[in-house]
Amino acid sequence: MKGKETRTLDRDDVLAAAEGLVKRHGPRALTMRGLAAELGTAVTSIYWHVGNRESLLDALVERTLADLGEIRPTGRTPARRIVSVASALRRLLLDRPHLVAMVHERGLTERMFLPAQRALVHEVHGAGLRGVRAADAVRAVQVHVVGHVLVERNRERAPVQRPGEEELWTAEAAERDGALARALAAPLDQEALFTTSVTALVTGLVGPGS
């Protein structure tokens, strides 16, 4: 009879598995026994690598902060680079709702957003903005991202709407604009809407050719 197989783990393996559990099911699903079962190892091995559950949660928060610090602008103009930072921040927040909530609960929200803010500062400086105008631009973009993410998450959790938009938006409701009615009745493309809205915001703040 073969002996029970053992798996060689390191701290990154444990944190990655814990992050996956939290992403899928939230922090309450993260138990040391559940994590050990996920990894196919003993509970004592988990404690060896990350300490107790509170230490594990702290490590996950730090890992999330590090991930959010990896935003790198792309594009040939400051305006496009600002939009790229906003888009990357939106995606990171959407992909990590439970982890972001953990960061917030630990009073580290401002620290979490600092890397994205610094990237935005660099780009608004490149667009020629300074002082209060630059600060307003950075904050406007950040608030737009966070607000859009909150709306997206709320729509995902909302019950099925009856009647839905496809029933409510008729040509009459759209002031006889049939194309508008059809567009508003169609399923909402959140990513396309975000890109359109943040591009309009950034263009208004720094100009299209900045």
Protein backbone atom coordinates (compact mmCIF):
# COMPACT_ATOMS: atom_id res chain seq x y z
CA MET A 1 0.00 0.00 0.00
CA LYS A 2 1.41 3.35 -0.96
CA GLY A 3 1.88 5.95 1.70
CA LYS A 4 -0.16 9.13 1.69
CA GLU A 5 1.19 11.62 -0.82
CA THR A 6 2.59 14.82 0.61
CA ARG A 7 2.88 18.16 -1.12
CA THR A 8 5.76 20.57 -0.71
CA LEU A 9 4.34 24.02 -0.11
CA ASP A 10 5.74 27.48 0.34
CA ARG A 11 4.20 30.67 1.67
CA ASP A 12 3.17 31.88 -1.79
CA ASP A 13 1.26 28.65 -2.43
CA VAL A 14 -0.67 29.09 0.78
CA LEU A 15 -1.46 32.76 0.13
CA ALA A 16 -2.52 32.07 -3.46
CA ALA A 17 -4.91 29.34 -2.33
CA ALA A 18 -6.28 31.54 0.46
CA GLU A 19 -6.78 34.40 -1.99
CA GLY A 20 -8.69 32.08 -4.31
CA LEU A 21 -11.01 30.98 -1.51
CA VAL A 22 -11.71 34.56 -0.46
CA LYS A 23 -12.31 35.65 -4.06
CA ARG A 24 -14.85 32.86 -4.58
CA HIS A 25 -16.62 32.75 -1.23
CA GLY A 26 -15.58 35.71 0.93
CA PRO A 27 -13.47 35.94 4.12
CA ARG A 28 -15.88 33.88 6.23
CA ALA A 29 -15.17 30.84 4.07
CA LEU A 30 -11.49 31.07 4.89
CA THR A 31 -10.76 28.61 7.70
CA MET A 32 -7.46 26.96 8.42
CA ARG A 33 -9.00 23.51 8.01
CA GLY A 34 -10.69 24.49 4.75
CA LEU A 35 -7.48 25.95 3.41
CA ALA A 36 -5.55 22.83 4.39
CA ALA A 37 -8.11 20.68 2.58
CA GLU A 38 -7.85 22.93 -0.47
CA LEU A 39 -4.10 22.43 -0.54
CA GLY A 40 -4.16 18.77 0.43
CA THR A 41 -1.95 19.29 3.44
CA ALA A 42 -2.12 19.32 7.23
CA VAL A 43 -3.39 22.28 9.21
CA THR A 44 -0.07 22.47 11.02
CA SER A 45 1.62 23.14 7.67
CA ILE A 46 -0.62 26.18 7.14
CA TYR A 47 0.28 27.55 10.57
CA TRP A 48 3.96 26.96 9.83
CA HIS A 49 3.87 29.09 6.70
CA VAL A 50 1.51 31.92 7.63
CA GLY A 51 0.80 31.81 11.36
CA ASN A 52 -2.77 32.02 12.66
CA ARG A 53 -5.85 33.09 10.74
CA GLU A 54 -5.48 36.76 11.64
CA SER A 55 -1.90 36.74 10.37
CA LEU A 56 -3.13 35.08 7.20
CA LEU A 57 -5.74 37.79 6.66
CA ASP A 58 -3.11 40.47 7.22
CA ALA A 59 -0.89 38.80 4.63
CA LEU A 60 -3.77 38.71 2.14
CA VAL A 61 -4.37 42.42 2.68
CA GLU A 62 -0.70 43.15 2.00
CA ARG A 63 -0.84 40.96 -1.10
CA THR A 64 -3.88 42.88 -2.34
CA LEU A 65 -2.15 46.20 -1.72
CA ALA A 66 0.83 44.97 -3.71
CA ASP A 67 -1.40 43.88 -6.61
CA LEU A 68 -3.05 47.30 -6.73
CA GLY A 69 0.40 48.85 -6.81
CA GLU A 70 1.20 47.13 -10.10
CA ILE A 71 -0.84 49.49 -12.28
CA ARG A 72 1.24 50.72 -15.20
CA PRO A 73 -0.10 53.36 -17.65
CA THR A 74 -0.20 52.62 -21.37
CA GLY A 75 -0.85 54.89 -24.34
CA ARG A 76 0.90 57.62 -26.30
CA THR A 77 -0.79 60.64 -24.73
CA PRO A 78 -1.42 61.61 -21.10
CA ALA A 79 -5.18 61.43 -21.72
CA ARG A 80 -5.00 57.86 -22.99
CA ARG A 81 -2.61 56.91 -20.20
CA ILE A 82 -4.98 58.31 -17.58
CA VAL A 83 -7.82 56.28 -19.11
CA SER A 84 -5.60 53.18 -19.01
CA VAL A 85 -4.91 53.70 -15.28
CA ALA A 86 -8.63 54.13 -14.60
CA SER A 87 -9.47 50.98 -16.59
CA ALA A 88 -6.81 48.93 -14.80
CA LEU A 89 -8.01 50.14 -11.39
CA ARG A 90 -11.61 49.27 -12.26
CA ARG A 91 -10.64 45.75 -13.30
CA LEU A 92 -8.58 45.17 -10.15
CA LEU A 93 -11.43 46.34 -7.92
CA LEU A 94 -13.99 44.21 -9.76
CA ASP A 95 -11.79 41.12 -9.61
CA ARG A 96 -11.17 41.43 -5.85
CA PRO A 97 -14.38 42.60 -4.13
CA HIS A 98 -13.92 40.53 -0.96
CA LEU A 99 -10.23 41.34 -0.72
CA VAL A 100 -10.86 45.06 -1.26
CA ALA A 101 -13.49 44.91 1.49
CA MET A 102 -10.89 43.37 3.81
CA VAL A 103 -8.49 46.21 3.05
CA HIS A 104 -11.23 48.74 3.79
CA GLU A 105 -12.18 47.05 7.06
CA ARG A 106 -8.58 47.36 8.22
CA GLY A 107 -8.54 51.10 7.59
CA LEU A 108 -6.12 50.89 4.66
CA THR A 109 -8.31 52.24 1.87
CA GLU A 110 -6.25 55.40 1.36
CA ARG A 111 -3.05 53.38 1.18
CA MET A 112 -4.71 51.00 -1.27
CA PHE A 113 -5.50 53.81 -3.71
CA LEU A 114 -2.17 55.63 -3.35
CA PRO A 115 -0.30 53.80 -6.16
CA ALA A 116 -3.07 54.53 -8.68
CA GLN A 117 -3.25 58.12 -7.47
CA ARG A 118 0.49 58.55 -7.94
CA ALA A 119 0.25 57.13 -11.46
CA LEU A 120 -2.54 59.61 -12.18
CA VAL A 121 -0.51 62.49 -10.72
CA HIS A 122 2.34 61.70 -13.07
CA GLU A 123 0.04 61.70 -16.08
CA VAL A 124 -1.89 64.86 -15.21
CA HIS A 125 1.46 66.59 -14.74
CA GLY A 126 2.35 65.35 -18.21
CA ALA A 127 -0.86 66.95 -19.47
CA GLY A 128 0.23 70.29 -18.00
CA LEU A 129 -2.00 70.39 -14.93
CA ARG A 130 -0.58 71.55 -11.60
CA GLY A 131 -1.76 72.28 -8.10
CA VAL A 132 -5.48 72.30 -7.39
CA ARG A 133 -6.40 71.51 -11.01
CA ALA A 134 -4.20 68.43 -10.93
CA ALA A 135 -5.64 67.33 -7.57
CA ASP A 136 -9.20 67.79 -8.85
CA ALA A 137 -8.41 65.69 -11.93
CA VAL A 138 -6.89 62.85 -9.88
CA ARG A 139 -9.83 62.77 -7.48
CA ALA A 140 -12.44 63.04 -10.22
CA VAL A 141 -11.01 60.02 -12.03
CA GLN A 142 -10.75 57.99 -8.82
CA VAL A 143 -14.33 58.80 -7.77
CA HIS A 144 -15.56 57.93 -11.25
CA VAL A 145 -13.87 54.52 -11.10
CA VAL A 146 -15.13 53.70 -7.60
CA GLY A 147 -18.64 54.92 -8.38
CA HIS A 148 -18.82 52.88 -11.56
CA VAL A 149 -17.60 49.76 -9.77
CA LEU A 150 -20.23 50.19 -7.04
CA VAL A 151 -22.98 50.53 -9.66
CA GLU A 152 -21.72 47.46 -11.50
CA ARG A 153 -21.64 45.39 -8.32
CA ASN A 154 -25.12 46.59 -7.37
CA ARG A 155 -26.53 45.60 -10.78
CA GLU A 156 -24.97 42.16 -10.44
CA ARG A 157 -26.64 41.60 -7.07
CA ALA A 158 -30.00 43.15 -7.94
CA PRO A 159 -33.04 40.88 -8.44
CA VAL A 160 -34.41 40.33 -11.92
CA GLN A 161 -36.24 43.48 -12.96
CA ARG A 162 -39.84 43.17 -14.17
CA PRO A 163 -40.50 44.94 -16.43
CA GLY A 164 -36.97 45.16 -17.75
CA GLU A 165 -35.35 47.81 -19.88
CA GLU A 166 -36.20 45.91 -23.05
CA GLU A 167 -39.89 46.38 -22.20
CA LEU A 168 -39.72 49.89 -20.80
CA TRP A 169 -37.80 51.53 -23.61
CA THR A 170 -40.21 52.00 -26.48
CA ALA A 171 -39.96 54.54 -29.29
CA GLU A 172 -42.56 56.63 -27.49
CA ALA A 173 -40.57 56.61 -24.23
CA ALA A 174 -37.47 57.67 -26.18
CA GLU A 175 -39.26 60.63 -27.78
CA ARG A 176 -39.75 58.79 -31.07
CA ASP A 177 -36.04 58.05 -31.37
CA GLY A 178 -36.21 54.39 -32.39
CA ALA A 179 -32.44 53.89 -32.48
CA LEU A 180 -32.13 55.33 -28.99
CA ALA A 181 -34.91 53.10 -27.69
CA ARG A 182 -33.28 50.00 -29.17
CA ALA A 183 -29.90 50.95 -27.70
CA LEU A 184 -31.32 51.54 -24.22
CA ALA A 185 -33.30 48.30 -24.39
CA ALA A 186 -30.23 46.26 -25.33
CA PRO A 187 -28.08 44.56 -22.64
CA LEU A 188 -25.69 47.00 -21.01
CA ASP A 189 -22.01 46.61 -21.90
CA GLN A 190 -20.44 47.82 -18.67
CA GLU A 191 -16.89 47.92 -19.99
CA ALA A 192 -17.83 49.90 -23.08
CA LEU A 193 -19.87 52.32 -20.98
CA PHE A 194 -16.98 52.78 -18.56
CA THR A 195 -14.53 53.47 -21.36
CA THR A 196 -16.88 55.99 -22.96
CA SER A 197 -17.64 57.81 -19.72
CA VAL A 198 -14.09 57.93 -18.34
CA THR A 199 -12.73 59.04 -21.72
CA ALA A 200 -15.25 61.89 -21.79
CA LEU A 201 -14.31 62.85 -18.24
CA VAL A 202 -10.58 62.80 -18.92
CA THR A 203 -10.97 64.70 -22.18
CA GLY A 204 -12.88 67.39 -20.33
CA LEU A 205 -10.21 67.58 -17.65
CA VAL A 206 -7.01 67.56 -19.70
CA GLY A 207 -8.05 67.84 -23.36
CA PRO A 208 -8.05 65.14 -26.06
CA GLY A 209 -4.59 65.84 -27.42
CA SER A 210 -2.74 66.31 -24.16
